[in-house]
């Protein structure tokens, strides 16, 4: 389900995207999979990996880098875990980005506040030996990194770019959940 609560001004765009899947595997096992950001590249078509950089991995307040690509574009995000309620919910907020993979000379574009852009995984036991996994992505406002990308797009094509990005993210979430389901059920 995708909801756009923004106006026609692409810089005020906001959305909430969700996708769900039933998995024939225990919720605790699924939680361990989705909360291990070092494995995110196994599930996500866009995020090809992650690395813990501060705090205790998988706990609230821990920070990590997520390595992402879409087409030719490659970027790294720095995020902070905001919810780690095993085995029910794992979530993080994206704080800043840099083009490419980070180096000592990387120029990070921050300015996002906690909660501006969040990703969560919620796991609900379904009364049998399985669970329902829901992934949610909320973008409350266009952050500095996405704003900079949009400014490189011709003005008359920006709205289409935003819509395409939103559709790409929805499809990516559905693909992510299908991959988590396949691996979890194989291991169950």
Protein backbone atom coordinates (compact mmCIF):
# COMPACT_ATOMS: atom_id res chain seq x y z
CA UNK A 1 0.00 0.00 0.00
CA UNK A 2 1.37 3.41 -0.90
CA UNK A 3 0.06 6.71 0.35
CA UNK A 4 1.23 10.12 -0.82
CA UNK A 5 0.40 12.82 1.68
CA UNK A 6 2.48 15.45 -0.10
CA UNK A 7 1.41 18.19 -2.47
CA UNK A 8 2.35 18.64 -6.12
CA UNK A 9 5.56 20.41 -5.01
CA UNK A 10 8.05 17.52 -5.17
CA UNK A 11 10.13 19.06 -2.38
CA UNK A 12 7.22 18.65 0.04
CA UNK A 13 6.55 15.03 -0.94
CA UNK A 14 5.96 12.53 1.84
CA UNK A 15 4.86 8.93 1.78
CA UNK A 16 4.28 5.78 3.74
CA UNK A 17 4.85 2.50 1.94
CA UNK A 18 4.07 -0.94 3.35
CA UNK A 19 4.36 -4.53 2.20
CA UNK A 20 3.53 -7.76 4.06
CA UNK A 21 4.07 -11.46 3.62
CA UNK A 22 3.16 -14.58 5.59
CA UNK A 23 6.15 -16.76 6.40
CA UNK A 24 6.11 -20.39 7.50
CA UNK A 25 8.88 -19.87 10.05
CA UNK A 26 9.05 -18.73 13.68
CA UNK A 27 8.90 -14.96 14.21
CA UNK A 28 12.08 -15.01 16.33
CA UNK A 29 14.07 -16.49 13.42
CA UNK A 30 12.67 -13.91 11.02
CA UNK A 31 13.52 -11.10 13.46
CA UNK A 32 17.14 -12.29 13.66
CA UNK A 33 17.34 -12.19 9.86
CA UNK A 34 15.92 -8.70 9.29
CA UNK A 35 17.71 -7.11 12.26
CA UNK A 36 21.13 -8.25 11.01
CA UNK A 37 21.91 -5.38 8.66
CA UNK A 38 25.12 -7.12 7.56
CA UNK A 39 22.83 -9.59 5.73
CA UNK A 40 20.58 -6.96 4.10
CA UNK A 41 22.26 -7.53 0.73
CA UNK A 42 20.81 -11.06 0.74
CA UNK A 43 17.26 -9.72 0.69
CA UNK A 44 17.20 -6.21 -0.73
CA UNK A 45 17.49 -5.47 -4.45
CA UNK A 46 18.79 -1.96 -3.58
CA UNK A 47 20.85 -2.32 -0.39
CA UNK A 48 23.81 -4.56 -1.15
CA UNK A 49 25.20 -4.67 2.38
CA UNK A 50 25.61 -3.08 5.76
CA UNK A 51 28.27 -2.53 8.39
CA UNK A 52 27.85 -1.67 12.06
CA UNK A 53 29.90 1.42 12.92
CA UNK A 54 28.93 2.39 16.52
CA UNK A 55 27.14 0.95 19.52
CA UNK A 56 26.11 -2.63 20.19
CA UNK A 57 24.93 -4.17 16.88
CA UNK A 58 21.17 -4.59 16.65
CA UNK A 59 20.33 -2.48 19.70
CA UNK A 60 18.63 0.91 19.97
CA UNK A 61 21.14 3.67 19.37
CA UNK A 62 23.53 1.51 17.32
CA UNK A 63 24.60 3.06 14.02
CA UNK A 64 25.43 1.46 10.71
CA UNK A 65 26.28 2.20 7.13
CA UNK A 66 23.97 0.80 4.45
CA UNK A 67 25.47 0.39 0.98
CA UNK A 68 22.96 1.02 -1.79
CA UNK A 69 22.63 1.10 -5.55
CA UNK A 70 19.94 1.79 -8.09
CA UNK A 71 21.05 1.49 -11.69
CA UNK A 72 24.35 3.35 -12.02
CA UNK A 73 23.90 5.31 -8.77
CA UNK A 74 25.76 4.07 -5.68
CA UNK A 75 25.47 5.69 -2.25
CA UNK A 76 25.92 5.01 1.43
CA UNK A 77 23.50 5.92 4.18
CA UNK A 78 24.25 6.27 7.88
CA UNK A 79 21.37 5.15 10.04
CA UNK A 80 20.55 4.69 13.70
CA UNK A 81 18.48 1.87 15.18
CA UNK A 82 15.38 3.40 16.80
CA UNK A 83 13.47 0.22 17.63
CA UNK A 84 14.88 -3.17 18.61
CA UNK A 85 12.07 -5.12 20.28
CA UNK A 86 12.98 -8.74 19.69
CA UNK A 87 11.11 -10.65 18.29
CA UNK A 88 8.44 -8.11 17.24
CA UNK A 89 9.93 -4.99 15.65
CA UNK A 90 13.20 -3.65 14.28
CA UNK A 91 13.51 -0.16 12.83
CA UNK A 92 15.98 2.54 11.95
CA UNK A 93 16.08 6.15 10.87
CA UNK A 94 18.34 7.41 8.09
CA UNK A 95 20.47 10.39 9.16
CA UNK A 96 22.88 11.17 6.32
CA UNK A 97 24.22 10.05 2.97
CA UNK A 98 27.33 10.16 0.81
CA UNK A 99 27.82 9.33 -2.84
CA UNK A 100 29.62 6.04 -3.41
CA UNK A 101 31.11 3.97 -0.64
CA UNK A 102 32.58 5.98 2.25
CA UNK A 103 36.24 6.87 2.46
CA UNK A 104 38.17 9.16 4.78
CA UNK A 105 37.53 11.97 2.25
CA UNK A 106 33.79 11.32 1.74
CA UNK A 107 31.54 14.31 1.81
CA UNK A 108 28.45 13.43 3.87
CA UNK A 109 25.19 15.25 3.30
CA UNK A 110 23.30 15.39 6.59
CA UNK A 111 20.48 17.55 7.76
CA UNK A 112 17.93 14.78 8.16
CA UNK A 113 16.39 14.58 11.59
CA UNK A 114 15.52 11.31 13.35
CA UNK A 115 12.15 10.20 12.01
CA UNK A 116 12.36 12.07 8.69
CA UNK A 117 13.05 8.78 6.89
CA UNK A 118 12.42 5.48 8.67
CA UNK A 119 12.38 1.80 7.81
CA UNK A 120 10.77 -0.80 10.07
CA UNK A 121 10.15 -4.52 10.09
CA UNK A 122 7.24 -5.75 12.21
CA UNK A 123 6.74 -9.44 12.94
CA UNK A 124 3.45 -10.83 14.21
CA UNK A 125 2.99 -14.48 15.13
CA UNK A 126 -0.06 -15.79 13.30
CA UNK A 127 -1.14 -18.44 15.79
CA UNK A 128 0.54 -21.31 13.99
CA UNK A 129 4.24 -21.93 13.47
CA UNK A 130 4.49 -18.94 11.18
CA UNK A 131 4.35 -15.18 11.23
CA UNK A 132 3.46 -12.14 9.17
CA UNK A 133 6.36 -9.85 8.29
CA UNK A 134 5.53 -6.25 7.40
CA UNK A 135 8.07 -3.78 6.09
CA UNK A 136 7.24 -0.08 6.32
CA UNK A 137 9.07 2.90 4.85
CA UNK A 138 8.06 6.42 5.88
CA UNK A 139 9.47 9.56 4.32
CA UNK A 140 8.11 12.61 6.13
CA UNK A 141 9.99 15.12 3.98
CA UNK A 142 12.48 15.26 1.16
CA UNK A 143 15.86 15.28 2.87
CA UNK A 144 18.96 17.11 1.69
CA UNK A 145 20.40 14.13 -0.23
CA UNK A 146 17.21 13.43 -2.22
CA UNK A 147 16.69 17.17 -2.71
CA UNK A 148 20.16 17.41 -4.28
CA UNK A 149 19.34 14.50 -6.59
CA UNK A 150 16.03 16.07 -7.60
CA UNK A 151 17.74 19.34 -8.42
CA UNK A 152 19.75 17.47 -11.06
CA UNK A 153 16.51 16.35 -12.78
CA UNK A 154 14.81 18.66 -15.29
CA UNK A 155 12.07 20.56 -13.48
CA UNK A 156 9.31 19.22 -15.74
CA UNK A 157 10.41 15.63 -14.97
CA UNK A 158 10.78 15.85 -11.18
CA UNK A 159 7.24 14.73 -10.33
CA UNK A 160 7.65 11.67 -12.56
CA UNK A 161 11.03 10.96 -10.94
CA UNK A 162 9.45 11.05 -7.47
CA UNK A 163 6.61 8.75 -8.58
CA UNK A 164 9.07 6.32 -10.19
CA UNK A 165 11.21 6.32 -7.04
CA UNK A 166 8.19 5.58 -4.90
CA UNK A 167 7.11 2.72 -7.18
CA UNK A 168 10.68 1.38 -7.22
CA UNK A 169 10.79 1.38 -3.41
CA UNK A 170 7.42 -0.41 -3.19
CA UNK A 171 8.60 -3.09 -5.61
CA UNK A 172 11.93 -3.39 -3.75
CA UNK A 173 10.11 -3.92 -0.45
CA UNK A 174 7.97 -6.67 -1.97
CA UNK A 175 11.09 -8.32 -3.40
CA UNK A 176 12.88 -8.03 -0.05
CA UNK A 177 10.03 -9.76 1.78
CA UNK A 178 9.82 -12.52 -0.82
CA UNK A 179 13.54 -13.21 -0.39
CA UNK A 180 13.32 -13.20 3.42
CA UNK A 181 10.38 -15.61 3.17
CA UNK A 182 12.27 -17.98 0.85
CA UNK A 183 15.36 -18.15 3.09
CA UNK A 184 13.40 -18.33 6.36
CA UNK A 185 11.18 -21.14 5.12
CA UNK A 186 14.15 -23.05 3.74
CA UNK A 187 15.87 -22.85 7.14
CA UNK A 188 12.73 -23.67 9.18
